[in-house]
PDB file of N, CA and C in Angstrom:
ATOM      1  N   MET A   1       5.883  -8.132 -13.507  1.00  0.00           N
ATOM      2  CA  MET A   1       5.250  -9.288 -12.954  1.00  0.00           C
ATOM      3  C   MET A   1       4.797  -8.973 -11.540  1.00  0.00           C
ATOM      4  N   HIS A   2       3.786  -9.657 -11.156  1.00  0.00           N
ATOM      5  CA  HIS A   2       3.209  -9.472  -9.836  1.00  0.00           C
ATOM      6  C   HIS A   2       3.122 -10.835  -9.157  1.00  0.00           C
ATOM      7  N   TRP A   3       2.825 -10.831  -7.879  1.00  0.00           N
ATOM      8  CA  TRP A   3       2.672 -12.082  -7.157  1.00  0.00           C
ATOM      9  C   TRP A   3       1.533 -12.905  -7.757  1.00  0.00           C
ATOM     10  N   LEU A   4       0.410 -12.239  -8.053  1.00  0.00           N
ATOM     11  CA  LEU A   4      -0.722 -12.884  -8.722  1.00  0.00           C
ATOM     12  C   LEU A   4      -0.832 -12.301 -10.127  1.00  0.00           C
ATOM     13  N   ASN A   5      -0.928 -13.166 -11.126  1.00  0.00           N
ATOM     14  CA  ASN A   5      -1.008 -12.733 -12.514  1.00  0.00           C
ATOM     15  C   ASN A   5      -2.197 -13.430 -13.167  1.00  0.00           C
ATOM     16  N   PHE A   6      -3.170 -12.644 -13.600  1.00  0.00           N
ATOM     17  CA  PHE A   6      -4.364 -13.182 -14.235  1.00  0.00           C
ATOM     18  C   PHE A   6      -4.190 -13.113 -15.739  1.00  0.00           C
ATOM     19  N   LEU A   7      -4.385 -14.243 -16.401  1.00  0.00           N
ATOM     20  CA  LEU A   7      -4.229 -14.323 -17.848  1.00  0.00           C
ATOM     21  C   LEU A   7      -5.523 -14.803 -18.484  1.00  0.00           C
ATOM     22  N   GLY A   8      -5.797 -14.279 -19.652  1.00  0.00           N
ATOM     23  CA  GLY A   8      -6.967 -14.692 -20.415  1.00  0.00           C
ATOM     24  C   GLY A   8      -6.593 -14.797 -21.880  1.00  0.00           C
ATOM     25  N   GLN A   9      -7.602 -14.767 -22.721  1.00  0.00           N
ATOM     26  CA  GLN A   9      -7.397 -14.874 -24.165  1.00  0.00           C
ATOM     27  C   GLN A   9      -6.993 -13.511 -24.724  1.00  0.00           C
ATOM     28  N   PRO A  10      -6.188 -13.438 -25.707  1.00  0.00           N
ATOM     29  CA  PRO A  10      -5.647 -14.536 -26.497  1.00  0.00           C
ATOM     30  C   PRO A  10      -4.340 -15.110 -25.947  1.00  0.00           C
ATOM     31  N   VAL A  11      -3.719 -14.439 -24.981  1.00  0.00           N
ATOM     32  CA  VAL A  11      -2.402 -14.868 -24.503  1.00  0.00           C
ATOM     33  C   VAL A  11      -2.434 -16.304 -23.992  1.00  0.00           C
ATOM     34  N   LEU A  12      -3.379 -16.612 -23.137  1.00  0.00           N
ATOM     35  CA  LEU A  12      -3.426 -17.954 -22.560  1.00  0.00           C
ATOM     36  C   LEU A  12      -3.603 -19.008 -23.653  1.00  0.00           C
ATOM     37  N   GLY A  13      -4.417 -18.712 -24.636  1.00  0.00           N
ATOM     38  CA  GLY A  13      -4.605 -19.640 -25.740  1.00  0.00           C
ATOM     39  C   GLY A  13      -3.325 -19.867 -26.527  1.00  0.00           C
ATOM     40  N   GLU A  14      -2.565 -18.810 -26.760  1.00  0.00           N
ATOM     41  CA  GLU A  14      -1.313 -18.929 -27.507  1.00  0.00           C
ATOM     42  C   GLU A  14      -0.254 -19.698 -26.720  1.00  0.00           C
ATOM     43  N   LEU A  15      -0.412 -19.753 -25.402  1.00  0.00           N
ATOM     44  CA  LEU A  15       0.509 -20.520 -24.560  1.00  0.00           C
ATOM     45  C   LEU A  15       0.067 -21.978 -24.405  1.00  0.00           C
ATOM     46  N   GLY A  16      -1.049 -22.330 -25.015  1.00  0.00           N
ATOM     47  CA  GLY A  16      -1.550 -23.695 -24.895  1.00  0.00           C
ATOM     48  C   GLY A  16      -2.446 -23.908 -23.699  1.00  0.00           C
ATOM     49  N   GLY A  17      -3.090 -22.832 -23.242  1.00  0.00           N
ATOM     50  CA  GLY A  17      -3.978 -22.918 -22.090  1.00  0.00           C
ATOM     51  C   GLY A  17      -3.199 -23.045 -20.793  1.00  0.00           C
ATOM     52  N   ALA A  18      -3.923 -23.281 -19.710  1.00  0.00           N
ATOM     53  CA  ALA A  18      -3.285 -23.401 -18.400  1.00  0.00           C
ATOM     54  C   ALA A  18      -2.294 -24.558 -18.387  1.00  0.00           C
ATOM     55  N   ALA A  19      -2.642 -25.669 -19.044  1.00  0.00           N
ATOM     56  CA  ALA A  19      -1.747 -26.827 -19.078  1.00  0.00           C
ATOM     57  C   ALA A  19      -0.446 -26.491 -19.809  1.00  0.00           C
ATOM     58  N   GLY A  20      -0.558 -25.801 -20.937  1.00  0.00           N
ATOM     59  CA  GLY A  20       0.634 -25.405 -21.683  1.00  0.00           C
ATOM     60  C   GLY A  20       1.510 -24.451 -20.893  1.00  0.00           C
ATOM     61  N   LEU A  21       0.879 -23.527 -20.186  1.00  0.00           N
ATOM     62  CA  LEU A  21       1.633 -22.588 -19.363  1.00  0.00           C
ATOM     63  C   LEU A  21       2.361 -23.333 -18.249  1.00  0.00           C
ATOM     64  N   ARG A  22       1.689 -24.296 -17.626  1.00  0.00           N
ATOM     65  CA  ARG A  22       2.313 -25.083 -16.546  1.00  0.00           C
ATOM     66  C   ARG A  22       3.606 -25.749 -17.016  1.00  0.00           C
ATOM     67  N   THR A  23       3.621 -26.236 -18.255  1.00  0.00           N
ATOM     68  CA  THR A  23       4.817 -26.934 -18.749  1.00  0.00           C
ATOM     69  C   THR A  23       6.002 -25.998 -18.927  1.00  0.00           C
ATOM     70  N   ARG A  24       5.756 -24.700 -18.995  1.00  0.00           N
ATOM     71  CA  ARG A  24       6.833 -23.723 -19.193  1.00  0.00           C
ATOM     72  C   ARG A  24       7.356 -23.143 -17.878  1.00  0.00           C
ATOM     73  N   LEU A  25       6.650 -23.368 -16.806  1.00  0.00           N
ATOM     74  CA  LEU A  25       7.032 -22.809 -15.511  1.00  0.00           C
ATOM     75  C   LEU A  25       7.537 -23.927 -14.606  1.00  0.00           C
ATOM     76  N   HIS A  26       8.771 -23.819 -14.170  1.00  0.00           N
ATOM     77  CA  HIS A  26       9.417 -24.911 -13.449  1.00  0.00           C
ATOM     78  C   HIS A  26       9.684 -24.615 -11.979  1.00  0.00           C
ATOM     79  N   SER A  27       9.450 -23.413 -11.537  1.00  0.00           N
ATOM     80  CA  SER A  27       9.697 -23.085 -10.139  1.00  0.00           C
ATOM     81  C   SER A  27       8.746 -23.893  -9.256  1.00  0.00           C
ATOM     82  N   PRO A  28       9.269 -24.521  -8.210  1.00  0.00           N
ATOM     83  CA  PRO A  28       8.411 -25.350  -7.353  1.00  0.00           C
ATOM     84  C   PRO A  28       7.357 -24.561  -6.581  1.00  0.00           C
ATOM     85  N   THR A  29       7.529 -23.252  -6.456  1.00  0.00           N
ATOM     86  CA  THR A  29       6.551 -22.452  -5.704  1.00  0.00           C
ATOM     87  C   THR A  29       5.525 -21.757  -6.591  1.00  0.00           C
ATOM     88  N   THR A  30       5.627 -21.939  -7.904  1.00  0.00           N
ATOM     89  CA  THR A  30       4.681 -21.322  -8.842  1.00  0.00           C
ATOM     90  C   THR A  30       3.519 -22.272  -9.093  1.00  0.00           C
ATOM     91  N   THR A  31       2.297 -21.719  -9.040  1.00  0.00           N
ATOM     92  CA  THR A  31       1.123 -22.517  -9.366  1.00  0.00           C
ATOM     93  C   THR A  31       0.325 -21.834 -10.472  1.00  0.00           C
ATOM     94  N   VAL A  32      -0.316 -22.648 -11.305  1.00  0.00           N
ATOM     95  CA  VAL A  32      -1.212 -22.168 -12.360  1.00  0.00           C
ATOM     96  C   VAL A  32      -2.569 -22.802 -12.092  1.00  0.00           C
ATOM     97  N   GLN A  33      -3.547 -21.962 -11.846  1.00  0.00           N
ATOM     98  CA  GLN A  33      -4.901 -22.448 -11.552  1.00  0.00           C
ATOM     99  C   GLN A  33      -5.837 -22.019 -12.671  1.00  0.00           C
ATOM    100  N   GLU A  34      -6.533 -22.989 -13.241  1.00  0.00           N
ATOM    101  CA  GLU A  34      -7.518 -22.680 -14.280  1.00  0.00           C
ATOM    102  C   GLU A  34      -8.723 -21.995 -13.660  1.00  0.00           C
ATOM    103  N   LEU A  35      -9.252 -21.020 -14.374  1.00  0.00           N
ATOM    104  CA  LEU A  35     -10.463 -20.320 -13.974  1.00  0.00           C
ATOM    105  C   LEU A  35     -11.501 -20.482 -15.073  1.00  0.00           C
ATOM    106  N   GLU A  36     -12.736 -20.195 -14.750  1.00  0.00           N
ATOM    107  CA  GLU A  36     -13.797 -20.249 -15.765  1.00  0.00           C
ATOM    108  C   GLU A  36     -13.516 -19.253 -16.881  1.00  0.00           C
ATOM    109  N   GLY A  37     -14.074 -19.539 -18.044  1.00  0.00           N
ATOM    110  CA  GLY A  37     -13.975 -18.596 -19.153  1.00  0.00           C
ATOM    111  C   GLY A  37     -12.613 -18.561 -19.804  1.00  0.00           C
ATOM    112  N   GLU A  38     -11.906 -19.697 -19.843  1.00  0.00           N
ATOM    113  CA  GLU A  38     -10.594 -19.781 -20.496  1.00  0.00           C
ATOM    114  C   GLU A  38      -9.623 -18.759 -19.924  1.00  0.00           C
ATOM    115  N   ARG A  39      -9.569 -18.730 -18.611  1.00  0.00           N
ATOM    116  CA  ARG A  39      -8.657 -17.832 -17.907  1.00  0.00           C
ATOM    117  C   ARG A  39      -7.851 -18.649 -16.908  1.00  0.00           C
ATOM    118  N   ALA A  40      -6.792 -18.045 -16.369  1.00  0.00           N
ATOM    119  CA  ALA A  40      -5.971 -18.706 -15.356  1.00  0.00           C
ATOM    120  C   ALA A  40      -5.334 -17.646 -14.472  1.00  0.00           C
ATOM    121  N   VAL A  41      -4.955 -18.076 -13.275  1.00  0.00           N
ATOM    122  CA  VAL A  41      -4.194 -17.212 -12.381  1.00  0.00           C
ATOM    123  C   VAL A  41      -2.888 -17.926 -12.067  1.00  0.00           C
ATOM    124  N   VAL A  42      -1.792 -17.185 -12.196  1.00  0.00           N
ATOM    125  CA  VAL A  42      -0.461 -17.700 -11.867  1.00  0.00           C
ATOM    126  C   VAL A  42      -0.068 -17.067 -10.542  1.00  0.00           C
ATOM    127  N   THR A  43       0.269 -17.899  -9.557  1.00  0.00           N
ATOM    128  CA  THR A  43       0.694 -17.430  -8.246  1.00  0.00           C
ATOM    129  C   THR A  43       2.177 -17.739  -8.096  1.00  0.00           C
ATOM    130  N   LEU A  44       2.959 -16.703  -7.831  1.00  0.00           N
ATOM    131  CA  LEU A  44       4.412 -16.846  -7.734  1.00  0.00           C
ATOM    132  C   LEU A  44       4.835 -16.951  -6.274  1.00  0.00           C
ATOM    133  N   GLY A  45       4.638 -18.119  -5.709  1.00  0.00           N
ATOM    134  CA  GLY A  45       5.037 -18.368  -4.330  1.00  0.00           C
ATOM    135  C   GLY A  45       3.899 -18.172  -3.353  1.00  0.00           C
ATOM    136  N   PRO A  46       4.154 -18.495  -2.083  1.00  0.00           N
ATOM    137  CA  PRO A  46       3.100 -18.443  -1.066  1.00  0.00           C
ATOM    138  C   PRO A  46       2.702 -17.029  -0.643  1.00  0.00           C
ATOM    139  N   ARG A  47       3.549 -16.047  -0.936  1.00  0.00           N
ATOM    140  CA  ARG A  47       3.258 -14.659  -0.553  1.00  0.00           C
ATOM    141  C   ARG A  47       4.044 -13.715  -1.470  1.00  0.00           C
ATOM    142  N   PRO A  48       3.643 -12.463  -1.542  1.00  0.00           N
ATOM    143  CA  PRO A  48       4.404 -11.503  -2.364  1.00  0.00           C
ATOM    144  C   PRO A  48       5.829 -11.335  -1.838  1.00  0.00           C
ATOM    145  N   GLU A  49       6.756 -11.132  -2.737  1.00  0.00           N
ATOM    146  CA  GLU A  49       8.159 -10.911  -2.379  1.00  0.00           C
ATOM    147  C   GLU A  49       8.637  -9.619  -3.026  1.00  0.00           C
ATOM    148  N   ALA A  50       9.456  -8.879  -2.318  1.00  0.00           N
ATOM    149  CA  ALA A  50      10.023  -7.654  -2.866  1.00  0.00           C
ATOM    150  C   ALA A  50      11.374  -7.911  -3.523  1.00  0.00           C
ATOM    151  N   GLY A  51      12.119  -8.880  -3.009  1.00  0.00           N
ATOM    152  CA  GLY A  51      13.453  -9.158  -3.529  1.00  0.00           C
ATOM    153  C   GLY A  51      14.453  -8.110  -3.064  1.00  0.00           C
ATOM    154  N   ASP A  52      15.714  -8.475  -3.106  1.00  0.00           N
ATOM    155  CA  ASP A  52      16.799  -7.572  -2.722  1.00  0.00           C
ATOM    156  C   ASP A  52      18.064  -8.069  -3.401  1.00  0.00           C
ATOM    157  N   LEU A  53      18.499  -7.358  -4.441  1.00  0.00           N
ATOM    158  CA  LEU A  53      19.671  -7.785  -5.191  1.00  0.00           C
ATOM    159  C   LEU A  53      20.915  -7.834  -4.317  1.00  0.00           C
ATOM    160  N   LEU A  54      21.017  -6.949  -3.331  1.00  0.00           N
ATOM    161  CA  LEU A  54      22.182  -6.949  -2.454  1.00  0.00           C
ATOM    162  C   LEU A  54      22.247  -8.205  -1.591  1.00  0.00           C
ATOM    163  N   LEU A  55      21.108  -8.810  -1.334  1.00  0.00           N
ATOM    164  CA  LEU A  55      21.049 -10.047  -0.555  1.00  0.00           C
ATOM    165  C   LEU A  55      20.925 -11.282  -1.441  1.00  0.00           C
ATOM    166  N   GLY A  56      21.007 -11.086  -2.761  1.00  0.00           N
ATOM    167  CA  GLY A  56      20.921 -12.203  -3.692  1.00  0.00           C
ATOM    168  C   GLY A  56      19.504 -12.699  -3.940  1.00  0.00           C
ATOM    169  N   GLN A  57      18.507 -11.919  -3.575  1.00  0.00           N
ATOM    170  CA  GLN A  57      17.109 -12.303  -3.773  1.00  0.00           C
ATOM    171  C   GLN A  57      16.650 -11.779  -5.131  1.00  0.00           C
ATOM    172  N   ARG A  58      16.851 -12.588  -6.169  1.00  0.00           N
ATOM    173  CA  ARG A  58      16.590 -12.151  -7.542  1.00  0.00           C
ATOM    174  C   ARG A  58      15.203 -12.532  -8.047  1.00  0.00           C
ATOM    175  N   LEU A  59      14.398 -13.139  -7.212  1.00  0.00           N
ATOM    176  CA  LEU A  59      13.024 -13.517  -7.555  1.00  0.00           C
ATOM    177  C   LEU A  59      12.963 -14.369  -8.828  1.00  0.00           C
ATOM    178  N   PRO A  60      13.546 -15.561  -8.797  1.00  0.00           N
ATOM    179  CA  PRO A  60      13.583 -16.386 -10.005  1.00  0.00           C
ATOM    180  C   PRO A  60      12.206 -16.748 -10.553  1.00  0.00           C
ATOM    181  N   GLU A  61      11.200 -16.872  -9.696  1.00  0.00           N
ATOM    182  CA  GLU A  61       9.856 -17.184 -10.184  1.00  0.00           C
ATOM    183  C   GLU A  61       9.324 -16.055 -11.048  1.00  0.00           C
ATOM    184  N   TYR A  62       9.563 -14.822 -10.619  1.00  0.00           N
ATOM    185  CA  TYR A  62       9.106 -13.648 -11.348  1.00  0.00           C
ATOM    186  C   TYR A  62       9.839 -13.560 -12.689  1.00  0.00           C
ATOM    187  N   ARG A  63      11.138 -13.832 -12.671  1.00  0.00           N
ATOM    188  CA  ARG A  63      11.937 -13.790 -13.895  1.00  0.00           C
ATOM    189  C   ARG A  63      11.466 -14.850 -14.889  1.00  0.00           C
ATOM    190  N   GLU A  64      11.194 -16.043 -14.388  1.00  0.00           N
ATOM    191  CA  GLU A  64      10.754 -17.119 -15.263  1.00  0.00           C
ATOM    192  C   GLU A  64       9.443 -16.757 -15.966  1.00  0.00           C
ATOM    193  N   LEU A  65       8.466 -16.257 -15.213  1.00  0.00           N
ATOM    194  CA  LEU A  65       7.195 -15.876 -15.821  1.00  0.00           C
ATOM    195  C   LEU A  65       7.373 -14.709 -16.790  1.00  0.00           C
ATOM    196  N   ALA A  66       8.199 -13.745 -16.440  1.00  0.00           N
ATOM    197  CA  ALA A  66       8.439 -12.609 -17.332  1.00  0.00           C
ATOM    198  C   ALA A  66       9.020 -13.078 -18.662  1.00  0.00           C
ATOM    199  N   GLN A  67       9.924 -14.034 -18.624  1.00  0.00           N
ATOM    200  CA  GLN A  67      10.517 -14.541 -19.857  1.00  0.00           C
ATOM    201  C   GLN A  67       9.481 -15.271 -20.705  1.00  0.00           C
ATOM    202  N   VAL A  68       8.602 -16.032 -20.064  1.00  0.00           N
ATOM    203  CA  VAL A  68       7.552 -16.735 -20.813  1.00  0.00           C
ATOM    204  C   VAL A  68       6.592 -15.737 -21.457  1.00  0.00           C
ATOM    205  N   LEU A  69       6.259 -14.672 -20.732  1.00  0.00           N
ATOM    206  CA  LEU A  69       5.264 -13.708 -21.212  1.00  0.00           C
ATOM    207  C   LEU A  69       5.861 -12.536 -22.000  1.00  0.00           C
ATOM    208  N   GLU A  70       7.164 -12.499 -22.164  1.00  0.00           N
ATOM    209  CA  GLU A  70       7.803 -11.350 -22.820  1.00  0.00           C
ATOM    210  C   GLU A  70       7.173 -10.974 -24.161  1.00  0.00           C
ATOM    211  N   PRO A  71       6.824 -11.925 -25.031  1.00  0.00           N
ATOM    212  CA  PRO A  71       6.231 -11.520 -26.317  1.00  0.00           C
ATOM    213  C   PRO A  71       4.933 -10.731 -26.176  1.00  0.00           C
ATOM    214  N   TRP A  72       4.259 -10.824 -25.039  1.00  0.00           N
ATOM    215  CA  TRP A  72       2.973 -10.147 -24.860  1.00  0.00           C
ATOM    216  C   TRP A  72       3.059  -8.958 -23.913  1.00  0.00           C
ATOM    217  N   LEU A  73       4.246  -8.663 -23.396  1.00  0.00           N
ATOM    218  CA  LEU A  73       4.369  -7.537 -22.473  1.00  0.00           C
ATOM    219  C   LEU A  73       4.233  -6.218 -23.215  1.00  0.00           C
ATOM    220  N   GLU A  74       3.652  -5.271 -22.540  1.00  0.00           N
ATOM    221  CA  GLU A  74       3.522  -3.934 -23.121  1.00  0.00           C
ATOM    222  C   GLU A  74       4.919  -3.337 -23.308  1.00  0.00           C
ATOM    223  N   PRO A  75       5.140  -2.617 -24.402  1.00  0.00           N
ATOM    224  CA  PRO A  75       6.438  -1.956 -24.557  1.00  0.00           C
ATOM    225  C   PRO A  75       6.579  -0.831 -23.546  1.00  0.00           C
ATOM    226  N   PHE A  76       7.806  -0.504 -23.245  1.00  0.00           N
ATOM    227  CA  PHE A  76       8.086   0.582 -22.305  1.00  0.00           C
ATOM    228  C   PHE A  76       7.584   1.900 -22.880  1.00  0.00           C
ATOM    229  N   ASP A  77       6.855   2.641 -22.094  1.00  0.00           N
ATOM    230  CA  ASP A  77       6.356   3.967 -22.471  1.00  0.00           C
ATOM    231  C   ASP A  77       6.993   4.981 -21.534  1.00  0.00           C
ATOM    232  N   PRO A  78       7.917   5.802 -22.029  1.00  0.00           N
ATOM    233  CA  PRO A  78       8.617   6.737 -21.143  1.00  0.00           C
ATOM    234  C   PRO A  78       7.704   7.753 -20.465  1.00  0.00           C
ATOM    235  N   ASP A  79       6.487   7.884 -20.921  1.00  0.00           N
ATOM    236  CA  ASP A  79       5.565   8.832 -20.307  1.00  0.00           C
ATOM    237  C   ASP A  79       4.647   8.183 -19.274  1.00  0.00           C
ATOM    238  N   PHE A  80       4.895   6.902 -18.931  1.00  0.00           N
ATOM    239  CA  PHE A  80       3.963   6.241 -18.032  1.00  0.00           C
ATOM    240  C   PHE A  80       4.020   6.797 -16.613  1.00  0.00           C
ATOM    241  N   LEU A  81       5.065   7.493 -16.286  1.00  0.00           N
ATOM    242  CA  LEU A  81       5.129   8.227 -15.016  1.00  0.00           C
ATOM    243  C   LEU A  81       5.561   9.659 -15.311  1.00  0.00           C
ATOM    244  N   PHE A  82       5.032  10.567 -14.567  1.00  0.00           N
ATOM    245  CA  PHE A  82       5.349  11.980 -14.815  1.00  0.00           C
ATOM    246  C   PHE A  82       6.794  12.316 -14.476  1.00  0.00           C
ATOM    247  N   CYS A  83       7.492  11.472 -13.781  1.00  0.00           N
ATOM    248  CA  CYS A  83       8.853  11.801 -13.330  1.00  0.00           C
ATOM    249  C   CYS A  83       9.910  11.537 -14.396  1.00  0.00           C
ATOM    250  N   THR A  84       9.527  11.295 -15.627  1.00  0.00           N
ATOM    251  CA  THR A  84      10.511  11.026 -16.676  1.00  0.00           C
ATOM    252  C   THR A  84      10.960  12.316 -17.347  1.00  0.00           C
ATOM    253  N   ARG A  85      11.153  13.352 -16.562  1.00  0.00           N
ATOM    254  CA  ARG A  85      11.518  14.656 -17.125  1.00  0.00           C
ATOM    255  C   ARG A  85      12.973  14.715 -17.571  1.00  0.00           C
ATOM    256  N   HIS A  86      13.803  13.853 -17.017  1.00  0.00           N
ATOM    257  CA  HIS A  86      15.232  13.890 -17.329  1.00  0.00           C
ATOM    258  C   HIS A  86      15.649  12.577 -17.969  1.00  0.00           C
ATOM    259  N   ALA A  87      16.673  12.627 -18.798  1.00  0.00           N
ATOM    260  CA  ALA A  87      17.146  11.419 -19.475  1.00  0.00           C
ATOM    261  C   ALA A  87      17.535  10.339 -18.475  1.00  0.00           C
ATOM    262  N   ASP A  88      18.166  10.728 -17.361  1.00  0.00           N
ATOM    263  CA  ASP A  88      18.567   9.746 -16.352  1.00  0.00           C
ATOM    264  C   ASP A  88      17.345   9.041 -15.780  1.00  0.00           C
ATOM    265  N   ASP A  89      16.269   9.784 -15.563  1.00  0.00           N
ATOM    266  CA  ASP A  89      15.044   9.176 -15.045  1.00  0.00           C
ATOM    267  C   ASP A  89      14.506   8.147 -16.030  1.00  0.00           C
ATOM    268  N   GLU A  90      14.515   8.491 -17.318  1.00  0.00           N
ATOM    269  CA  GLU A  90      13.979   7.580 -18.320  1.00  0.00           C
ATOM    270  C   GLU A  90      14.796   6.290 -18.372  1.00  0.00           C
ATOM    271  N   ALA A  91      16.108   6.381 -18.327  1.00  0.00           N
ATOM    272  CA  ALA A  91      16.950   5.185 -18.355  1.00  0.00           C
ATOM    273  C   ALA A  91      16.695   4.319 -17.125  1.00  0.00           C
ATOM    274  N   GLU A  92      16.546   4.955 -15.977  1.00  0.00           N
ATOM    275  CA  GLU A  92      16.269   4.207 -14.751  1.00  0.00           C
ATOM    276  C   GLU A  92      14.905   3.520 -14.818  1.00  0.00           C
ATOM    277  N   LEU A  93      13.908   4.235 -15.318  1.00  0.00           N
ATOM    278  CA  LEU A  93      12.580   3.636 -15.454  1.00  0.00           C
ATOM    279  C   LEU A  93      12.579   2.492 -16.467  1.00  0.00           C
ATOM    280  N   ARG A  94      13.334   2.643 -17.528  1.00  0.00           N
ATOM    281  CA  ARG A  94      13.429   1.567 -18.522  1.00  0.00           C
ATOM    282  C   ARG A  94      14.047   0.311 -17.878  1.00  0.00           C
ATOM    283  N   ARG A  95      15.093   0.480 -17.078  1.00  0.00           N
ATOM    284  CA  ARG A  95      15.701  -0.661 -16.375  1.00  0.00           C
ATOM    285  C   ARG A  95      14.688  -1.302 -15.434  1.00  0.00           C
ATOM    286  N   TRP A  96      13.917  -0.474 -14.725  1.00  0.00           N
ATOM    287  CA  TRP A  96      12.912  -1.007 -13.804  1.00  0.00           C
ATOM    288  C   TRP A  96      11.841  -1.775 -14.587  1.00  0.00           C
ATOM    289  N   TRP A  97      11.407  -1.240 -15.716  1.00  0.00           N
ATOM    290  CA  TRP A  97      10.354  -1.859 -16.528  1.00  0.00           C
ATOM    291  C   TRP A  97      10.780  -3.265 -16.959  1.00  0.00           C
ATOM    292  N   ARG A  98      12.061  -3.442 -17.253  1.00  0.00           N
ATOM    293  CA  ARG A  98      12.580  -4.724 -17.740  1.00  0.00           C
ATOM    294  C   ARG A  98      13.348  -5.476 -16.658  1.00  0.00           C
ATOM    295  N   ARG A  99      13.114  -5.170 -15.398  1.00  0.00           N
ATOM    296  CA  ARG A  99      13.909  -5.704 -14.294  1.00  0.00           C
ATOM    297  C   ARG A  99      13.926  -7.221 -14.217  1.00  0.00           C
ATOM    298  N   PHE A 100      12.924  -7.900 -14.710  1.00  0.00           N
ATOM    299  CA  PHE A 100      12.902  -9.356 -14.670  1.00  0.00           C
ATOM    300  C   PHE A 100      13.368  -9.986 -15.966  1.00  0.00           C
ATOM    301  N   LEU A 101      13.704  -9.161 -16.947  1.00  0.00           N
ATOM    302  CA  LEU A 101      14.109  -9.680 -18.258  1.00  0.00           C
ATOM    303  C   LEU A 101      15.592  -9.485 -18.548  1.00  0.00           C
ATOM    304  N   ASP A 102      16.168  -8.439 -18.042  1.00  0.00           N
ATOM    305  CA  ASP A 102      17.569  -8.134 -18.344  1.00  0.00           C
ATOM    306  C   ASP A 102      18.490  -8.603 -17.246  1.00  0.00           C
TER     307      ASP A 102
END
């Protein structure tokens, strides 16, 4: 997930359009803005956040959107970065890929 997330068809349609997506997102800082051409942009707060698990910053807005969009997320591809040469690297990258879901 990113601070700004642009959605279009078919995903947005399967979520019930921008209005349907709005009903699934409850964070007070998340906005869903309709765009032309059956598209929408989801903004997760007033500015990008990095989060810090040690400080308890778990980015709940990002987690909420990730859970809503999970059926449409790309599966983890261990070759998406060249640094997956070792099994430990692959496990770490897999955790990072699913950081808002697990």
